[in-house]
Protein backbone atom coordinates (compact mmCIF):
# COMPACT_ATOMS: atom_id res chain seq x y z
CA MET A 1 56.93 -25.09 32.60
CA LEU A 2 59.51 -26.36 30.22
CA ILE A 3 58.22 -26.96 26.72
CA LEU A 4 60.17 -29.34 24.45
CA THR A 5 59.71 -30.56 20.96
CA ARG A 6 60.74 -34.21 20.36
CA LYS A 7 60.61 -36.57 17.37
CA VAL A 8 59.91 -40.36 17.51
CA ASN A 9 62.76 -42.19 19.32
CA GLU A 10 64.11 -38.99 20.92
CA ARG A 11 64.53 -38.95 24.64
CA ILE A 12 64.17 -36.63 27.63
CA THR A 13 65.93 -37.45 30.90
CA ILE A 14 64.65 -36.23 34.26
CA GLY A 15 67.23 -36.35 37.08
CA ASP A 16 69.52 -39.41 36.96
CA GLN A 17 66.87 -42.11 36.94
CA VAL A 18 63.89 -41.15 34.73
CA GLU A 19 64.00 -41.24 30.92
CA ILE A 20 61.07 -40.48 28.62
CA VAL A 21 61.06 -41.84 25.01
CA VAL A 22 58.74 -40.68 22.29
CA LEU A 23 57.55 -44.11 20.84
CA LYS A 24 54.97 -42.87 18.35
CA ALA A 25 53.41 -39.56 17.27
CA SER A 26 50.28 -38.94 15.31
CA LYS A 27 48.15 -35.88 14.61
CA ASP A 28 46.51 -35.88 18.05
CA LYS A 29 48.28 -38.39 20.14
CA VAL A 30 51.73 -39.13 21.46
CA LYS A 31 52.76 -42.56 22.77
CA LEU A 32 55.49 -42.27 25.42
CA GLY A 33 57.71 -44.91 27.15
CA ILE A 34 58.95 -44.14 30.65
CA ASN A 35 62.03 -45.82 32.15
CA ALA A 36 62.06 -45.25 35.90
CA PRO A 37 62.97 -47.19 39.04
CA GLY A 38 60.08 -49.05 40.75
CA SER A 39 60.17 -46.58 43.63
CA VAL A 40 59.02 -43.72 41.32
CA VAL A 41 55.19 -43.50 41.17
CA ILE A 42 53.91 -42.82 37.72
CA GLN A 43 50.21 -42.13 37.16
CA ARG A 44 47.96 -40.52 34.55
CA ASN A 45 46.49 -37.24 35.96
CA GLU A 46 42.83 -38.30 35.34
CA LEU A 47 43.43 -41.53 37.34
CA LEU A 48 45.17 -39.68 40.21
CA ALA A 49 42.26 -37.24 40.38
CA SER A 50 39.77 -40.11 40.46
CA VAL A 51 41.55 -41.94 43.24
CA THR A 52 41.87 -38.75 45.30
CA GLN A 53 38.15 -38.08 44.95
CA GLU A 54 37.22 -41.56 45.92
CA ASN A 55 39.60 -41.32 48.94
CA MET A 56 37.89 -38.11 50.11
CA ARG A 57 34.49 -39.82 49.86
CA ALA A 58 35.74 -42.82 51.83
CA VAL A 59 37.05 -40.59 54.61
CA ALA A 60 33.87 -38.45 54.77
CA GLY A 61 31.51 -41.46 55.12
CA PRO A 62 32.63 -42.59 58.63
CA LEU A 63 32.71 -38.99 59.86
CA ASP A 64 29.09 -38.40 58.69
CA ARG A 65 27.96 -41.56 60.51
CA LEU A 66 29.82 -40.46 63.68
CA GLU A 67 28.12 -37.14 63.61
CA GLN A 68 24.76 -38.87 63.37
CA LEU A 69 25.63 -40.88 66.41
CA ILE A 70 26.57 -37.94 68.66
CA PRO A 71 23.00 -36.83 69.55
CA ALA A 72 21.92 -40.42 70.46
CA LEU A 73 25.05 -40.87 72.69
CA ARG A 74 24.33 -37.49 74.36
CA LYS A 75 20.77 -38.49 75.05
CA GLN A 76 21.91 -41.84 76.60
CA LEU A 77 24.41 -40.04 78.82
CA HIS A 78 21.71 -37.65 80.12
CA GLN A 79 19.26 -40.59 80.76
CA ALA A 80 21.94 -42.72 82.58
CA PRO A 81 20.96 -43.41 86.13
CA THR A 82 23.15 -41.77 88.70
CA ALA A 83 24.40 -43.86 91.64
């Protein structure tokens, strides 16, 4: 991990296309500006964690329902008349 100390209006450049500017600093908060191309995804970590968790729940739901259907489908297959 690289640790830097910056003052207001000082900048950090990442690669050729991302620039971070310290806009405001107080005792317990720092306000940053980020200049980056639209193709670069920038998200707060807490938001990313929330979206990831919700996606996992969305994927698990259909699988749970499918697993509940399997016994009923097996029962129907065993009861199907044979020709």
